[in-house]
Amino acid sequence: MPDPSGSPAGELLRDELDAAPVTSSELAFKGKIWDVRRDTFGYNGASIVREYVDHTGAVAILALDDEDRVLLIKQYRHPVRAREWEIPAGLLDVHGEDPVLAASRELAEEADVAAAEWNVLAEFYTSPGGNNEAIRVYLARGLSTIEDAFHRTDEEADMEIRWVPLEELVDAVLERRVQNPSLVIAALAAHTARERGWTSLAPADAPWPRHPSNWTGGRQPA
């Protein structure tokens, strides 16, 4: 029997993947890192035009050591004029690269750390009304230090690294002292998953149908 909200009893709450038919798609702006795409698509009998940042997607890593401390980095982010505490992350800008391999590479390049155990912790869209950026967050454990440090440039040249207890990180999130979305989501997801015995984790190679590269409809090449 349906509940008062109209949802069938027992139905799991989930997003519905549903690509509206795209009648035209063009590159509105070509950027150094990201592009802006202009799509015309049909929806509810209307022809709608929307522009959005066409993103490569990204991975982020919550690296947790044997003392339940999380690896954080502090990096300058020019659009928000702030040096944010973040978890290691990086773009999926190498064509065909496995996301977990990209995550392993980013963890090494940003923090000189390797991990023996990988699981999917969370996934999210950063701003689905304005871009198609999909981020997969991995939980990395079994950590070790890489001796040959990577050479870092630009905003990464002066990154600060800190190991923070997971409980302390959650406090910083709830008290709004840290704002980075990957960090916020990863911290809360890890805290909850740990309380549930890590039963919500998925294998590192779990399918990722929400990533734009896996869409079967909608976007068209320029």
Protein backbone atom coordinates (compact mmCIF):
# COMPACT_ATOMS: atom_id res chain seq x y z
CA MET A 1 0.00 0.00 0.00
CA PRO A 2 1.39 3.43 -0.88
CA ASP A 3 2.38 5.70 2.01
CA PRO A 4 0.97 9.28 2.29
CA SER A 5 3.86 10.61 0.19
CA GLY A 6 2.82 8.46 -2.75
CA SER A 7 5.84 6.15 -2.67
CA PRO A 8 5.18 2.41 -2.72
CA ALA A 9 5.77 0.78 0.67
CA GLY A 10 9.20 -0.79 0.94
CA GLU A 11 10.64 0.98 -2.10
CA LEU A 12 14.26 1.98 -1.62
CA LEU A 13 15.04 5.66 -1.92
CA ARG A 14 17.26 6.16 -4.95
CA ASP A 15 17.94 8.60 -7.77
CA GLU A 16 16.56 7.68 -11.18
CA LEU A 17 18.95 7.75 -14.13
CA ASP A 18 16.92 9.24 -16.99
CA ALA A 19 18.64 10.99 -19.91
CA ALA A 20 16.38 13.37 -21.78
CA PRO A 21 16.76 13.20 -25.60
CA VAL A 22 19.40 15.70 -26.74
CA THR A 23 18.61 17.29 -30.11
CA SER A 24 21.80 19.36 -30.34
CA SER A 25 25.01 19.77 -28.37
CA GLU A 26 27.80 22.27 -28.93
CA LEU A 27 30.94 23.50 -27.22
CA ALA A 28 30.09 26.97 -25.89
CA PHE A 29 33.47 27.62 -24.28
CA LYS A 30 36.80 25.80 -24.43
CA GLY A 31 38.73 26.14 -21.16
CA LYS A 32 42.19 25.16 -19.97
CA ILE A 33 40.83 22.47 -17.66
CA TRP A 34 37.05 22.33 -18.21
CA ASP A 35 34.71 23.19 -21.05
CA VAL A 36 31.21 24.68 -21.09
CA ARG A 37 28.69 22.77 -23.21
CA ARG A 38 25.33 24.00 -24.55
CA ASP A 39 22.68 21.30 -24.95
CA THR A 40 19.19 21.48 -26.40
CA PHE A 41 16.95 18.68 -25.17
CA GLY A 42 13.32 17.70 -25.05
CA TYR A 43 11.53 17.51 -21.70
CA ASN A 44 7.81 17.46 -20.89
CA GLY A 45 7.00 18.48 -24.45
CA ALA A 46 9.28 21.53 -24.39
CA SER A 47 12.63 22.21 -26.06
CA ILE A 48 15.05 23.39 -23.36
CA VAL A 49 18.53 24.91 -23.66
CA ARG A 50 20.99 24.53 -20.81
CA GLU A 51 24.70 25.33 -20.47
CA TYR A 52 26.87 23.45 -17.99
CA VAL A 53 30.49 22.70 -17.17
CA ASP A 54 31.43 19.49 -18.97
CA HIS A 55 33.66 17.77 -16.45
CA THR A 56 36.06 14.83 -16.68
CA GLY A 57 34.99 13.50 -13.28
CA ALA A 58 37.30 12.96 -10.35
CA VAL A 59 38.34 10.66 -7.55
CA ALA A 60 39.03 11.45 -3.90
CA ILE A 61 40.71 9.37 -1.22
CA LEU A 62 40.03 9.10 2.49
CA ALA A 63 43.26 7.47 3.65
CA LEU A 64 42.82 5.96 7.12
CA ASP A 65 45.80 4.67 9.11
CA ASP A 66 45.89 2.00 11.82
CA GLU A 67 45.17 4.63 14.49
CA ASP A 68 41.98 5.80 12.72
CA ARG A 69 43.64 9.03 11.60
CA VAL A 70 42.73 10.61 8.26
CA LEU A 71 45.31 12.06 5.91
CA LEU A 72 44.51 15.70 5.11
CA ILE A 73 46.18 18.22 2.86
CA LYS A 74 45.83 22.00 2.90
CA GLN A 75 45.77 23.56 -0.57
CA TYR A 76 45.06 27.03 -1.98
CA ARG A 77 41.83 27.24 -4.02
CA HIS A 78 41.65 30.48 -5.97
CA PRO A 79 37.90 30.60 -6.82
CA VAL A 80 37.01 30.69 -3.10
CA ARG A 81 40.18 32.58 -2.04
CA ALA A 82 40.99 30.08 0.68
CA ARG A 83 43.53 27.47 1.71
CA GLU A 84 41.23 24.54 2.33
CA TRP A 85 41.75 21.34 4.25
CA GLU A 86 40.97 18.55 1.81
CA ILE A 87 41.50 14.86 1.23
CA PRO A 88 43.74 13.87 -1.70
CA ALA A 89 41.87 14.02 -5.00
CA GLY A 90 42.41 14.38 -8.71
CA LEU A 91 40.79 14.58 -12.12
CA LEU A 92 40.01 11.57 -14.29
CA ASP A 93 41.75 13.24 -17.21
CA VAL A 94 43.69 10.22 -18.51
CA HIS A 95 41.49 8.56 -21.13
CA GLY A 96 40.52 5.02 -20.20
CA GLU A 97 42.32 5.04 -16.84
CA ASP A 98 40.72 2.85 -14.17
CA PRO A 99 39.38 5.16 -11.41
CA VAL A 100 41.04 3.19 -8.61
CA LEU A 101 44.38 3.42 -10.40
CA ALA A 102 43.86 7.16 -10.73
CA ALA A 103 43.13 7.32 -7.00
CA SER A 104 46.30 5.39 -6.21
CA ARG A 105 48.30 7.74 -8.42
CA GLU A 106 46.82 10.85 -6.80
CA LEU A 107 47.48 9.56 -3.28
CA ALA A 108 51.11 8.97 -4.21
CA GLU A 109 51.57 12.28 -6.04
CA GLU A 110 49.91 14.46 -3.41
CA ALA A 111 51.02 12.79 -0.19
CA ASP A 112 53.77 10.22 -0.95
CA VAL A 113 51.53 7.46 0.40
CA ALA A 114 50.57 4.03 -0.97
CA ALA A 115 47.66 1.82 0.14
CA ALA A 116 47.24 -1.96 0.10
CA GLU A 117 43.45 -2.01 0.57
CA TRP A 118 40.92 -0.04 -1.48
CA ASN A 119 37.12 0.21 -1.25
CA VAL A 120 34.43 2.54 -2.60
CA LEU A 121 33.22 4.71 0.28
CA ALA A 122 30.89 7.24 -1.39
CA GLU A 123 29.89 8.87 -4.69
CA PHE A 124 28.30 12.22 -5.40
CA TYR A 125 27.66 14.98 -7.95
CA THR A 126 29.25 18.28 -6.90
CA SER A 127 26.64 20.61 -8.46
CA PRO A 128 24.17 18.74 -10.71
CA GLY A 129 22.36 21.93 -11.71
CA GLY A 130 25.50 23.44 -13.22
CA ASN A 131 27.98 20.70 -14.07
CA ASN A 132 28.21 16.95 -14.60
CA GLU A 133 31.15 16.40 -12.25
CA ALA A 134 30.86 13.01 -10.59
CA ILE A 135 33.27 12.11 -7.78
CA ARG A 136 33.96 8.67 -6.41
CA VAL A 137 35.48 8.61 -2.92
CA TYR A 138 37.68 5.67 -2.00
CA LEU A 139 38.62 4.43 1.45
CA ALA A 140 42.32 3.56 1.43
CA ARG A 141 43.85 1.47 4.21
CA GLY A 142 47.01 -0.51 4.78
CA LEU A 143 49.08 2.62 4.26
CA SER A 144 52.80 2.95 3.68
CA THR A 145 55.15 5.81 2.86
CA ILE A 146 56.70 6.21 -0.58
CA GLU A 147 60.34 7.15 -0.18
CA ASP A 148 60.83 8.99 -3.48
CA ALA A 149 58.81 12.17 -2.96
CA PHE A 150 57.04 13.71 -5.94
CA HIS A 151 57.96 17.19 -7.14
CA ARG A 152 54.96 19.50 -6.67
CA THR A 153 54.30 22.79 -8.44
CA ASP A 154 51.74 25.64 -8.58
CA GLU A 155 49.08 25.38 -5.83
CA GLU A 156 50.51 22.05 -4.70
CA ALA A 157 54.00 23.44 -4.07
CA ASP A 158 53.27 24.53 -0.48
CA MET A 159 50.69 21.93 0.55
CA GLU A 160 50.56 21.14 4.26
CA ILE A 161 49.91 17.55 5.37
CA ARG A 162 48.25 16.61 8.64
CA TRP A 163 46.97 13.36 10.16
CA VAL A 164 43.70 13.98 12.01
CA PRO A 165 41.67 11.51 14.12
CA LEU A 166 38.41 10.67 12.37
CA GLU A 167 36.35 11.81 15.36
CA GLU A 168 38.14 15.18 15.38
CA LEU A 169 37.54 15.56 11.64
CA VAL A 170 33.81 14.91 12.06
CA ASP A 171 33.71 17.57 14.79
CA ALA A 172 35.34 20.05 12.38
CA VAL A 173 32.71 19.21 9.76
CA LEU A 174 29.76 19.58 12.14
CA GLU A 175 31.13 22.85 13.51
CA ARG A 176 31.52 24.15 9.93
CA ARG A 177 35.26 24.76 10.31
CA VAL A 178 36.02 22.84 7.10
CA GLN A 179 34.05 23.28 3.87
CA ASN A 180 35.48 21.09 1.12
CA PRO A 181 32.65 18.84 -0.14
CA SER A 182 34.76 15.73 -0.74
CA LEU A 183 36.18 16.00 2.78
CA VAL A 184 32.76 16.62 4.34
CA ILE A 185 31.05 13.72 2.58
CA ALA A 186 33.98 11.35 3.07
CA ALA A 187 34.33 12.13 6.78
CA LEU A 188 30.64 11.61 7.54
CA ALA A 189 30.45 8.50 5.35
CA ALA A 190 33.55 6.96 6.95
CA HIS A 191 32.33 7.69 10.46
CA THR A 192 28.95 6.09 9.76
CA ALA A 193 30.46 3.16 7.85
CA ARG A 194 32.85 2.42 10.71
CA GLU A 195 29.92 2.39 13.16
CA ARG A 196 28.26 -0.21 10.93
CA GLY A 197 31.35 -2.40 10.75
CA TRP A 198 32.27 -1.17 7.26
CA THR A 199 29.42 -3.24 5.79
CA SER A 200 28.41 -0.43 3.40
CA LEU A 201 31.73 -0.42 1.55
CA ALA A 202 31.81 -1.59 -2.07
CA PRO A 203 34.67 -3.27 -3.95
CA ALA A 204 37.17 -0.90 -5.51
CA ASP A 205 36.15 -2.07 -8.98
CA ALA A 206 32.38 -1.67 -8.44
CA PRO A 207 30.52 -0.36 -11.53
CA TRP A 208 30.08 3.41 -11.71
CA PRO A 209 27.03 4.01 -13.95
CA ARG A 210 26.59 7.61 -12.77
CA HIS A 211 29.87 8.75 -14.27
CA PRO A 212 29.21 10.74 -17.48
CA SER A 213 31.62 8.58 -19.49
CA ASN A 214 29.22 5.67 -18.93
CA TRP A 215 26.10 7.43 -20.21
CA THR A 216 24.35 5.63 -23.04
CA GLY A 217 22.24 8.61 -24.00
CA GLY A 218 22.04 12.35 -23.67
CA ARG A 219 25.32 14.00 -24.48
CA GLN A 220 26.61 14.01 -28.04
CA PRO A 221 30.15 14.67 -29.21
CA ALA A 222 30.94 18.18 -30.49
